[in-house]
Amino acid sequence: MAVAPNRATRADGWIGRTVVQVLIGIGLLALVLAVVYPLLWMVFSSFKNNSELFANPWSLPGDMRWGNFERAWNAGVVRFFVNSTLVTAGSIVTTTLISAWAAYGLVRVKVPFSNAITGILLGGLMVAPTVALVPLFGLLQRLHIYDSLWALLVLYTAFRIPFTTFLIRAYLIDMPREMDEAAYVDGATRTQIFWRLVLPVCRPILVSAALLQALFAWNEFAFALVFISDSDRKTLPVGLMDMQSRLLTEWPVQFAGLTMAALPMIVLFLIGQRQFLRGLTEGMGK
C-alpha cells in the first residue's frame, strides 16, 4: 500500500526539479540575450550607413562597410587606442606586482602592526575617486606629471592597490607555510621565495587581479577627462566622446569606434576566463 505514495512523491519531486531547471534555463537565456544582443547590435550598426541605420535599426546590414572602421581609425581611434594600451598595460604590471608584494608581506612576513596596515588598506576602498579630484589636481601639478600618461598610471595604480592587495591576501592566507619554510631551509631568500615560489602558485588570482585592473583602466573616464587636456594623450573613453563631437551625425563610424574599443577586453576575458574564475572562486572560498 505504501508503494503508490512513494512513486507519487518521487514523481512530484522529479516534476519540481524539472520546473526549476526550466526556469533557471529561461533566466540564463534571458540574461545572455540582455548582455549579448546590445553588443551584436553595436557591431551590426557599425557596418551600416546613416539611412540604413535609421530606416532599419534592428535589421542586419545590407553590405559589410569596412570603410566605417577605417574612418574611425583615422579619426583618432588609433591614437586613443595606443594611449589606453600603454596606461592599461603599465597599471596592470605595477598594481599586480606591488599588491602581490604587499599581500605577501602582510601574510607571510612578521610585519609590525600588520593588522593596522591591513585596515588602512581596506579603508582605501572607501575613498571615492571623484572626491579626490581637487587635491589630486594640485598634487599632479607639483609632481609635474599633469596632462601626461604618467598621471593616469600613478592614479590607476594607487586607487586599485587596496582592492588588489585584499584579493591576493585572501588567496595567500591558507597557502601552506611549509612551502616557504622548505625553500628557506634550502637557502632561498625572501625575494627568491616570492618570485620563484609564491608568484607561480598564485597565478590564478594574479590573472584575476590583472583582468579586473585591465577592465578598470581601459574604461576609466573621470581621471582621464580631468587630468588629460592634450588631445594627443586622451584615452579611449574620453577620445571617443571627443570624436563624437567631431563626427556629429556619422553614427555608424562612431559605432565602429565603439566596437574597436570593446573588442580587446572581450578577447582578453575570453582568453583568461578559466584562470579568472578559478582565482576568484578559490580566493573567495578562503
C-alpha atoms as a PDB file:
ATOM      1  CA  MET A   1       0.000   0.000   0.000  1.00  0.00           C
ATOM      2  CA  ALA A   2       2.956   2.346   0.549  1.00  0.00           C
ATOM      3  CA  VAL A   3       4.366   1.879  -2.950  1.00  0.00           C
ATOM      4  CA  ALA A   4       1.950   4.205  -4.716  1.00  0.00           C
ATOM      5  CA  PRO A   5       2.530   7.203  -2.413  1.00  0.00           C
ATOM      6  CA  ASN A   6       6.292   6.729  -2.734  1.00  0.00           C
ATOM      7  CA  ARG A   7       6.035   6.712  -6.510  1.00  0.00           C
ATOM      8  CA  ALA A   8       3.811   9.781  -6.410  1.00  0.00           C
ATOM      9  CA  THR A   9       6.310  11.541  -4.164  1.00  0.00           C
ATOM     10  CA  ARG A  10       9.196  10.713  -6.484  1.00  0.00           C
ATOM     11  CA  ALA A  11       7.164  11.874  -9.483  1.00  0.00           C
ATOM     12  CA  ASP A  12       6.307  15.145  -7.767  1.00  0.00           C
ATOM     13  CA  GLY A  13       9.962  15.656  -6.877  1.00  0.00           C
ATOM     14  CA  TRP A  14      11.046  14.993 -10.457  1.00  0.00           C
ATOM     15  CA  ILE A  15       8.449  17.420 -11.807  1.00  0.00           C
ATOM     16  CA  GLY A  16       9.536  20.070  -9.300  1.00  0.00           C
ATOM     17  CA  ARG A  17      13.213  19.709 -10.222  1.00  0.00           C
ATOM     18  CA  THR A  18      12.349  19.847 -13.915  1.00  0.00           C
ATOM     19  CA  VAL A  19      10.329  23.026 -13.466  1.00  0.00           C
ATOM     20  CA  VAL A  20      13.159  24.632 -11.504  1.00  0.00           C
ATOM     21  CA  GLN A  21      15.708  23.654 -14.166  1.00  0.00           C
ATOM     22  CA  VAL A  22      13.481  25.041 -16.928  1.00  0.00           C
ATOM     23  CA  LEU A  23      13.023  28.322 -15.065  1.00  0.00           C
ATOM     24  CA  ILE A  24      16.783  28.588 -14.459  1.00  0.00           C
ATOM     25  CA  GLY A  25      17.440  27.898 -18.145  1.00  0.00           C
ATOM     26  CA  ILE A  26      14.952  30.575 -19.190  1.00  0.00           C
ATOM     27  CA  GLY A  27      16.525  33.048 -16.777  1.00  0.00           C
ATOM     28  CA  LEU A  28      20.043  32.313 -18.054  1.00  0.00           C
ATOM     29  CA  LEU A  29      18.890  32.613 -21.663  1.00  0.00           C
ATOM     30  CA  ALA A  30      17.275  35.965 -20.912  1.00  0.00           C
ATOM     31  CA  LEU A  31      20.497  37.111 -19.226  1.00  0.00           C
ATOM     32  CA  VAL A  32      22.579  36.046 -22.234  1.00  0.00           C
ATOM     33  CA  LEU A  33      20.279  37.902 -24.602  1.00  0.00           C
ATOM     34  CA  ALA A  34      20.356  41.010 -22.416  1.00  0.00           C
ATOM     35  CA  VAL A  35      24.164  41.031 -22.487  1.00  0.00           C
ATOM     36  CA  VAL A  36      24.941  39.776 -25.998  1.00  0.00           C
ATOM     37  CA  TYR A  37      22.221  41.477 -28.041  1.00  0.00           C
ATOM     38  CA  PRO A  38      23.360  45.088 -27.401  1.00  0.00           C
ATOM     39  CA  LEU A  39      26.892  44.096 -28.365  1.00  0.00           C
ATOM     40  CA  LEU A  40      25.698  42.450 -31.567  1.00  0.00           C
ATOM     41  CA  TRP A  41      23.503  45.460 -32.359  1.00  0.00           C
ATOM     42  CA  MET A  42      26.509  47.746 -31.933  1.00  0.00           C
ATOM     43  CA  VAL A  43      28.627  45.562 -34.232  1.00  0.00           C
ATOM     44  CA  PHE A  44      25.922  45.309 -36.905  1.00  0.00           C
ATOM     45  CA  SER A  45      25.263  49.064 -36.745  1.00  0.00           C
ATOM     46  CA  SER A  46      28.936  49.756 -37.389  1.00  0.00           C
ATOM     47  CA  PHE A  47      28.578  48.215 -40.889  1.00  0.00           C
ATOM     48  CA  LYS A  48      25.566  50.317 -41.896  1.00  0.00           C
ATOM     49  CA  ASN A  49      25.175  53.828 -43.264  1.00  0.00           C
ATOM     50  CA  ASN A  50      23.019  56.511 -41.683  1.00  0.00           C
ATOM     51  CA  SER A  51      19.957  55.901 -43.834  1.00  0.00           C
ATOM     52  CA  GLU A  52      20.064  52.156 -43.261  1.00  0.00           C
ATOM     53  CA  LEU A  53      20.658  52.642 -39.540  1.00  0.00           C
ATOM     54  CA  PHE A  54      17.587  54.831 -39.035  1.00  0.00           C
ATOM     55  CA  ALA A  55      15.322  53.067 -41.546  1.00  0.00           C
ATOM     56  CA  ASN A  56      16.037  49.528 -40.308  1.00  0.00           C
ATOM     57  CA  PRO A  57      17.784  49.795 -36.920  1.00  0.00           C
ATOM     58  CA  TRP A  58      17.107  46.160 -35.960  1.00  0.00           C
ATOM     59  CA  SER A  59      17.990  44.516 -39.267  1.00  0.00           C
ATOM     60  CA  LEU A  60      21.273  43.097 -40.480  1.00  0.00           C
ATOM     61  CA  PRO A  61      23.496  45.399 -42.569  1.00  0.00           C
ATOM     62  CA  GLY A  62      22.980  45.226 -46.307  1.00  0.00           C
ATOM     63  CA  ASP A  63      26.708  45.471 -47.029  1.00  0.00           C
ATOM     64  CA  MET A  64      29.855  44.967 -44.947  1.00  0.00           C
ATOM     65  CA  ARG A  65      31.071  48.579 -44.931  1.00  0.00           C
ATOM     66  CA  TRP A  66      34.613  48.156 -43.594  1.00  0.00           C
ATOM     67  CA  GLY A  67      35.255  51.745 -44.543  1.00  0.00           C
ATOM     68  CA  ASN A  68      33.459  52.824 -41.350  1.00  0.00           C
ATOM     69  CA  PHE A  69      36.225  51.205 -39.308  1.00  0.00           C
ATOM     70  CA  GLU A  70      38.901  52.842 -41.440  1.00  0.00           C
ATOM     71  CA  ARG A  71      37.290  56.256 -40.970  1.00  0.00           C
ATOM     72  CA  ALA A  72      37.014  55.735 -37.223  1.00  0.00           C
ATOM     73  CA  TRP A  73      40.634  54.589 -37.093  1.00  0.00           C
ATOM     74  CA  ASN A  74      41.803  57.666 -38.990  1.00  0.00           C
ATOM     75  CA  ALA A  75      39.584  59.950 -36.882  1.00  0.00           C
ATOM     76  CA  GLY A  76      41.789  59.283 -33.863  1.00  0.00           C
ATOM     77  CA  VAL A  77      40.885  55.853 -32.548  1.00  0.00           C
ATOM     78  CA  VAL A  78      44.399  54.592 -33.279  1.00  0.00           C
ATOM     79  CA  ARG A  79      45.906  57.303 -31.075  1.00  0.00           C
ATOM     80  CA  PHE A  80      43.388  56.745 -28.285  1.00  0.00           C
ATOM     81  CA  PHE A  81      43.909  53.002 -28.593  1.00  0.00           C
ATOM     82  CA  VAL A  82      47.680  53.290 -28.142  1.00  0.00           C
ATOM     83  CA  ASN A  83      47.301  55.600 -25.129  1.00  0.00           C
ATOM     84  CA  SER A  84      44.817  53.272 -23.430  1.00  0.00           C
ATOM     85  CA  THR A  85      47.021  50.269 -24.152  1.00  0.00           C
ATOM     86  CA  LEU A  86      50.078  51.914 -22.603  1.00  0.00           C
ATOM     87  CA  VAL A  87      48.247  53.062 -19.485  1.00  0.00           C
ATOM     88  CA  THR A  88      46.368  49.796 -19.041  1.00  0.00           C
ATOM     89  CA  ALA A  89      49.415  47.564 -19.528  1.00  0.00           C
ATOM     90  CA  GLY A  90      51.563  49.704 -17.247  1.00  0.00           C
ATOM     91  CA  SER A  91      48.953  49.826 -14.477  1.00  0.00           C
ATOM     92  CA  ILE A  92      48.427  46.059 -14.678  1.00  0.00           C
ATOM     93  CA  VAL A  93      52.126  45.428 -14.060  1.00  0.00           C
ATOM     94  CA  THR A  94      52.556  47.997 -11.282  1.00  0.00           C
ATOM     95  CA  THR A  95      49.292  47.276  -9.472  1.00  0.00           C
ATOM     96  CA  THR A  96      49.615  43.496  -9.591  1.00  0.00           C
ATOM     97  CA  LEU A  97      53.272  43.345  -8.526  1.00  0.00           C
ATOM     98  CA  ILE A  98      53.008  45.955  -5.757  1.00  0.00           C
ATOM     99  CA  SER A  99      49.813  44.381  -4.413  1.00  0.00           C
ATOM    100  CA  ALA A 100      51.270  40.873  -4.544  1.00  0.00           C
ATOM    101  CA  TRP A 101      54.396  42.006  -2.685  1.00  0.00           C
ATOM    102  CA  ALA A 102      52.275  43.827  -0.085  1.00  0.00           C
ATOM    103  CA  ALA A 103      49.967  40.829   0.387  1.00  0.00           C
ATOM    104  CA  TYR A 104      52.961  38.506   0.759  1.00  0.00           C
ATOM    105  CA  GLY A 105      54.484  40.778   3.397  1.00  0.00           C
ATOM    106  CA  LEU A 106      51.227  41.036   5.355  1.00  0.00           C
ATOM    107  CA  VAL A 107      50.562  37.292   5.306  1.00  0.00           C
ATOM    108  CA  ARG A 108      53.986  35.628   5.292  1.00  0.00           C
ATOM    109  CA  VAL A 109      56.328  38.130   6.957  1.00  0.00           C
ATOM    110  CA  LYS A 110      56.020  39.273  10.557  1.00  0.00           C
ATOM    111  CA  VAL A 111      55.433  42.945   9.810  1.00  0.00           C
ATOM    112  CA  PRO A 112      54.822  45.210  12.825  1.00  0.00           C
ATOM    113  CA  PHE A 113      51.239  46.486  13.011  1.00  0.00           C
ATOM    114  CA  SER A 114      50.219  44.287  10.094  1.00  0.00           C
ATOM    115  CA  ASN A 115      46.567  44.315  11.190  1.00  0.00           C
ATOM    116  CA  ALA A 116      46.566  48.115  11.318  1.00  0.00           C
ATOM    117  CA  ILE A 117      48.190  48.294   7.885  1.00  0.00           C
ATOM    118  CA  THR A 118      45.559  45.910   6.520  1.00  0.00           C
ATOM    119  CA  GLY A 119      42.827  48.105   7.992  1.00  0.00           C
ATOM    120  CA  ILE A 120      44.323  51.204   6.383  1.00  0.00           C
ATOM    121  CA  LEU A 121      44.491  49.443   3.017  1.00  0.00           C
ATOM    122  CA  LEU A 122      40.881  48.349   3.294  1.00  0.00           C
ATOM    123  CA  GLY A 123      39.998  51.911   4.248  1.00  0.00           C
ATOM    124  CA  GLY A 124      41.316  52.958   0.860  1.00  0.00           C
ATOM    125  CA  LEU A 125      38.379  51.105  -0.699  1.00  0.00           C
ATOM    126  CA  MET A 126      36.038  53.659   0.844  1.00  0.00           C
ATOM    127  CA  VAL A 127      37.641  56.638  -0.896  1.00  0.00           C
ATOM    128  CA  ALA A 128      35.643  57.602  -3.982  1.00  0.00           C
ATOM    129  CA  PRO A 129      37.939  58.758  -6.799  1.00  0.00           C
ATOM    130  CA  THR A 130      35.723  61.720  -7.661  1.00  0.00           C
ATOM    131  CA  VAL A 131      36.032  63.089  -4.115  1.00  0.00           C
ATOM    132  CA  ALA A 132      39.807  63.362  -4.522  1.00  0.00           C
ATOM    133  CA  LEU A 133      39.814  65.205  -7.860  1.00  0.00           C
ATOM    134  CA  VAL A 134      40.604  68.652  -6.438  1.00  0.00           C
ATOM    135  CA  PRO A 135      43.553  67.668  -4.180  1.00  0.00           C
ATOM    136  CA  LEU A 136      44.877  65.323  -6.846  1.00  0.00           C
ATOM    137  CA  PHE A 137      44.926  68.169  -9.352  1.00  0.00           C
ATOM    138  CA  GLY A 138      47.327  70.141  -7.140  1.00  0.00           C
ATOM    139  CA  LEU A 139      49.403  67.051  -6.364  1.00  0.00           C
ATOM    140  CA  LEU A 140      49.909  66.162 -10.015  1.00  0.00           C
ATOM    141  CA  GLN A 141      50.847  69.759 -10.750  1.00  0.00           C
ATOM    142  CA  ARG A 142      53.542  69.684  -8.067  1.00  0.00           C
ATOM    143  CA  LEU A 143      54.842  66.351  -9.355  1.00  0.00           C
ATOM    144  CA  HIS A 144      54.994  67.818 -12.889  1.00  0.00           C
ATOM    145  CA  ILE A 145      53.079  64.905 -14.386  1.00  0.00           C
ATOM    146  CA  TYR A 146      49.759  66.661 -15.010  1.00  0.00           C
ATOM    147  CA  ASP A 147      48.475  66.190 -18.571  1.00  0.00           C
ATOM    148  CA  SER A 148      50.615  63.112 -19.134  1.00  0.00           C
ATOM    149  CA  LEU A 149      50.037  59.391 -19.246  1.00  0.00           C
ATOM    150  CA  TRP A 150      52.212  59.107 -16.131  1.00  0.00           C
ATOM    151  CA  ALA A 151      49.451  60.828 -14.164  1.00  0.00           C
ATOM    152  CA  LEU A 152      46.925  58.177 -15.159  1.00  0.00           C
ATOM    153  CA  LEU A 153      49.402  55.380 -14.494  1.00  0.00           C
ATOM    154  CA  VAL A 154      50.066  56.635 -10.955  1.00  0.00           C
ATOM    155  CA  LEU A 155      46.386  57.190 -10.174  1.00  0.00           C
ATOM    156  CA  TYR A 156      45.191  53.881 -11.619  1.00  0.00           C
ATOM    157  CA  THR A 157      47.826  52.065  -9.588  1.00  0.00           C
ATOM    158  CA  ALA A 158      47.250  53.929  -6.336  1.00  0.00           C
ATOM    159  CA  PHE A 159      43.463  53.609  -6.331  1.00  0.00           C
ATOM    160  CA  ARG A 160      43.478  49.898  -7.177  1.00  0.00           C
ATOM    161  CA  ILE A 161      46.203  48.700  -4.811  1.00  0.00           C
ATOM    162  CA  PRO A 162      43.834  48.358  -1.785  1.00  0.00           C
ATOM    163  CA  PHE A 163      41.352  46.107  -3.583  1.00  0.00           C
ATOM    164  CA  THR A 164      44.012  44.069  -5.383  1.00  0.00           C
ATOM    165  CA  THR A 165      46.031  43.578  -2.191  1.00  0.00           C
ATOM    166  CA  PHE A 166      42.932  42.407  -0.361  1.00  0.00           C
ATOM    167  CA  LEU A 167      42.139  39.986  -3.195  1.00  0.00           C
ATOM    168  CA  ILE A 168      45.620  38.432  -3.292  1.00  0.00           C
ATOM    169  CA  ARG A 169      45.888  38.398   0.507  1.00  0.00           C
ATOM    170  CA  ALA A 170      42.705  36.311   0.729  1.00  0.00           C
ATOM    171  CA  TYR A 171      44.300  33.792  -1.642  1.00  0.00           C
ATOM    172  CA  LEU A 172      47.565  33.627   0.317  1.00  0.00           C
ATOM    173  CA  ILE A 173      46.092  33.157   3.788  1.00  0.00           C
ATOM    174  CA  ASP A 174      45.533  29.396   3.541  1.00  0.00           C
ATOM    175  CA  MET A 175      48.532  28.627   1.372  1.00  0.00           C
ATOM    176  CA  PRO A 176      50.713  26.117   3.316  1.00  0.00           C
ATOM    177  CA  ARG A 177      53.596  27.831   5.065  1.00  0.00           C
ATOM    178  CA  GLU A 178      55.648  24.639   4.744  1.00  0.00           C
ATOM    179  CA  MET A 179      56.387  25.655   1.161  1.00  0.00           C
ATOM    180  CA  ASP A 180      58.143  28.821   2.322  1.00  0.00           C
ATOM    181  CA  GLU A 181      59.927  27.033   5.144  1.00  0.00           C
ATOM    182  CA  ALA A 182      61.244  24.303   2.829  1.00  0.00           C
ATOM    183  CA  ALA A 183      62.552  26.891   0.375  1.00  0.00           C
ATOM    184  CA  TYR A 184      64.103  28.888   3.229  1.00  0.00           C
ATOM    185  CA  VAL A 185      65.892  25.768   4.522  1.00  0.00           C
ATOM    186  CA  ASP A 186      67.276  25.202   1.023  1.00  0.00           C
ATOM    187  CA  GLY A 187      68.885  28.644   1.192  1.00  0.00           C
ATOM    188  CA  ALA A 188      66.344  30.746  -0.709  1.00  0.00           C
ATOM    189  CA  THR A 189      65.917  34.367   0.305  1.00  0.00           C
ATOM    190  CA  ARG A 190      62.595  36.111   0.813  1.00  0.00           C
ATOM    191  CA  THR A 191      62.885  37.705  -2.614  1.00  0.00           C
ATOM    192  CA  GLN A 192      63.621  34.378  -4.296  1.00  0.00           C
ATOM    193  CA  ILE A 193      60.721  32.726  -2.490  1.00  0.00           C
ATOM    194  CA  PHE A 194      58.391  35.483  -3.649  1.00  0.00           C
ATOM    195  CA  TRP A 195      59.444  35.427  -7.314  1.00  0.00           C
ATOM    196  CA  ARG A 196      60.080  31.710  -7.802  1.00  0.00           C
ATOM    197  CA  LEU A 197      57.531  30.123  -5.482  1.00  0.00           C
ATOM    198  CA  VAL A 198      54.713  32.434  -4.439  1.00  0.00           C
ATOM    199  CA  LEU A 199      54.005  34.151  -7.757  1.00  0.00           C
ATOM    200  CA  PRO A 200      53.794  30.902  -9.805  1.00  0.00           C
ATOM    201  CA  VAL A 201      51.490  29.322  -7.216  1.00  0.00           C
ATOM    202  CA  CYS A 202      49.304  32.452  -7.149  1.00  0.00           C
ATOM    203  CA  ARG A 203      48.926  32.605 -10.920  1.00  0.00           C
ATOM    204  CA  PRO A 204      45.093  32.172 -10.921  1.00  0.00           C
ATOM    205  CA  ILE A 205      44.487  35.084  -8.547  1.00  0.00           C
ATOM    206  CA  LEU A 206      47.115  37.182 -10.312  1.00  0.00           C
ATOM    207  CA  VAL A 207      45.306  36.640 -13.609  1.00  0.00           C
ATOM    208  CA  SER A 208      42.030  37.593 -11.937  1.00  0.00           C
ATOM    209  CA  ALA A 209      43.595  40.742 -10.476  1.00  0.00           C
ATOM    210  CA  ALA A 210      45.176  41.639 -13.824  1.00  0.00           C
ATOM    211  CA  LEU A 211      41.888  41.250 -15.719  1.00  0.00           C
ATOM    212  CA  LEU A 212      39.984  43.347 -13.190  1.00  0.00           C
ATOM    213  CA  GLN A 213      42.666  46.016 -13.377  1.00  0.00           C
ATOM    214  CA  ALA A 214      42.558  45.921 -17.187  1.00  0.00           C
ATOM    215  CA  LEU A 215      38.789  46.391 -17.155  1.00  0.00           C
ATOM    216  CA  PHE A 216      39.069  49.335 -14.760  1.00  0.00           C
ATOM    217  CA  ALA A 217      41.920  51.121 -16.540  1.00  0.00           C
ATOM    218  CA  TRP A 218      40.537  50.555 -20.046  1.00  0.00           C
ATOM    219  CA  ASN A 219      37.123  52.026 -19.208  1.00  0.00           C
ATOM    220  CA  GLU A 220      38.076  54.679 -16.621  1.00  0.00           C
ATOM    221  CA  PHE A 221      36.645  58.067 -17.539  1.00  0.00           C
ATOM    222  CA  ALA A 222      36.780  60.644 -14.714  1.00  0.00           C
ATOM    223  CA  PHE A 223      40.561  60.798 -14.212  1.00  0.00           C
ATOM    224  CA  ALA A 224      41.229  60.693 -17.950  1.00  0.00           C
ATOM    225  CA  LEU A 225      38.782  63.546 -18.518  1.00  0.00           C
ATOM    226  CA  VAL A 226      40.032  65.833 -15.729  1.00  0.00           C
ATOM    227  CA  PHE A 227      43.788  65.245 -15.785  1.00  0.00           C
ATOM    228  CA  ILE A 228      44.388  64.959 -19.550  1.00  0.00           C
ATOM    229  CA  SER A 229      43.786  68.037 -21.694  1.00  0.00           C
ATOM    230  CA  ASP A 230      46.050  67.337 -24.687  1.00  0.00           C
ATOM    231  CA  SER A 231      44.039  65.579 -27.387  1.00  0.00           C
ATOM    232  CA  ASP A 232      47.078  63.500 -28.356  1.00  0.00           C
ATOM    233  CA  ARG A 233      47.132  61.919 -24.876  1.00  0.00           C
ATOM    234  CA  LYS A 234      43.445  61.109 -24.489  1.00  0.00           C
ATOM    235  CA  THR A 235      42.435  57.531 -23.761  1.00  0.00           C
ATOM    236  CA  LEU A 236      39.611  55.679 -25.489  1.00  0.00           C
ATOM    237  CA  PRO A 237      36.621  56.654 -23.283  1.00  0.00           C
ATOM    238  CA  VAL A 238      37.400  60.378 -23.441  1.00  0.00           C
ATOM    239  CA  GLY A 239      38.694  60.204 -27.004  1.00  0.00           C
ATOM    240  CA  LEU A 240      35.519  58.545 -28.267  1.00  0.00           C
ATOM    241  CA  MET A 241      33.452  61.275 -26.638  1.00  0.00           C
ATOM    242  CA  ASP A 242      35.625  63.883 -28.337  1.00  0.00           C
ATOM    243  CA  MET A 243      35.317  62.027 -31.635  1.00  0.00           C
ATOM    244  CA  GLN A 244      31.534  62.036 -31.300  1.00  0.00           C
ATOM    245  CA  SER A 245      31.508  65.835 -31.101  1.00  0.00           C
ATOM    246  CA  ARG A 246      33.565  65.993 -34.306  1.00  0.00           C
ATOM    247  CA  LEU A 247      31.701  63.364 -36.313  1.00  0.00           C
ATOM    248  CA  LEU A 248      28.283  64.724 -35.304  1.00  0.00           C
ATOM    249  CA  THR A 249      25.684  62.536 -37.089  1.00  0.00           C
ATOM    250  CA  GLU A 250      28.013  59.905 -38.556  1.00  0.00           C
ATOM    251  CA  TRP A 251      26.672  57.261 -36.202  1.00  0.00           C
ATOM    252  CA  PRO A 252      27.954  54.125 -37.984  1.00  0.00           C
ATOM    253  CA  VAL A 253      31.513  55.469 -37.755  1.00  0.00           C
ATOM    254  CA  GLN A 254      31.007  56.090 -34.043  1.00  0.00           C
ATOM    255  CA  PHE A 255      29.674  52.561 -33.595  1.00  0.00           C
ATOM    256  CA  ALA A 256      32.752  51.285 -35.419  1.00  0.00           C
ATOM    257  CA  GLY A 257      34.947  53.133 -32.909  1.00  0.00           C
ATOM    258  CA  LEU A 258      32.974  51.680 -30.001  1.00  0.00           C
ATOM    259  CA  THR A 259      33.323  48.199 -31.453  1.00  0.00           C
ATOM    260  CA  MET A 260      37.096  48.548 -31.734  1.00  0.00           C
ATOM    261  CA  ALA A 261      37.225  49.864 -28.166  1.00  0.00           C
ATOM    262  CA  ALA A 262      35.239  46.930 -26.768  1.00  0.00           C
ATOM    263  CA  LEU A 263      36.948  44.159 -28.741  1.00  0.00           C
ATOM    264  CA  PRO A 264      40.257  43.957 -26.776  1.00  0.00           C
ATOM    265  CA  MET A 265      38.524  43.480 -23.405  1.00  0.00           C
ATOM    266  CA  ILE A 266      36.194  40.832 -24.840  1.00  0.00           C
ATOM    267  CA  VAL A 267      39.127  38.894 -26.301  1.00  0.00           C
ATOM    268  CA  LEU A 268      41.157  39.282 -23.104  1.00  0.00           C
ATOM    269  CA  PHE A 269      38.377  37.886 -20.925  1.00  0.00           C
ATOM    270  CA  LEU A 270      37.718  35.015 -23.318  1.00  0.00           C
ATOM    271  CA  ILE A 271      41.398  34.048 -23.160  1.00  0.00           C
ATOM    272  CA  GLY A 272      41.743  34.336 -19.390  1.00  0.00           C
ATOM    273  CA  GLN A 273      38.255  33.353 -18.254  1.00  0.00           C
ATOM    274  CA  ARG A 274      39.261  29.980 -16.821  1.00  0.00           C
ATOM    275  CA  GLN A 275      42.080  31.374 -14.691  1.00  0.00           C
ATOM    276  CA  PHE A 276      39.904  34.364 -13.806  1.00  0.00           C
ATOM    277  CA  LEU A 277      37.051  32.255 -12.432  1.00  0.00           C
ATOM    278  CA  ARG A 278      39.427  29.855 -10.699  1.00  0.00           C
ATOM    279  CA  GLY A 279      41.258  32.673  -8.969  1.00  0.00           C
ATOM    280  CA  LEU A 280      38.074  34.379  -7.773  1.00  0.00           C
ATOM    281  CA  THR A 281      36.372  31.223  -6.550  1.00  0.00           C
ATOM    282  CA  GLU A 282      39.437  29.961  -4.701  1.00  0.00           C
ATOM    283  CA  GLY A 283      40.137  33.386  -3.248  1.00  0.00           C
ATOM    284  CA  MET A 284      36.547  33.884  -2.097  1.00  0.00           C
ATOM    285  CA  GLY A 285      36.457  30.382  -0.694  1.00  0.00           C
ATOM    286  CA  LYS A 286      39.392  31.206   1.539  1.00  0.00           C
END
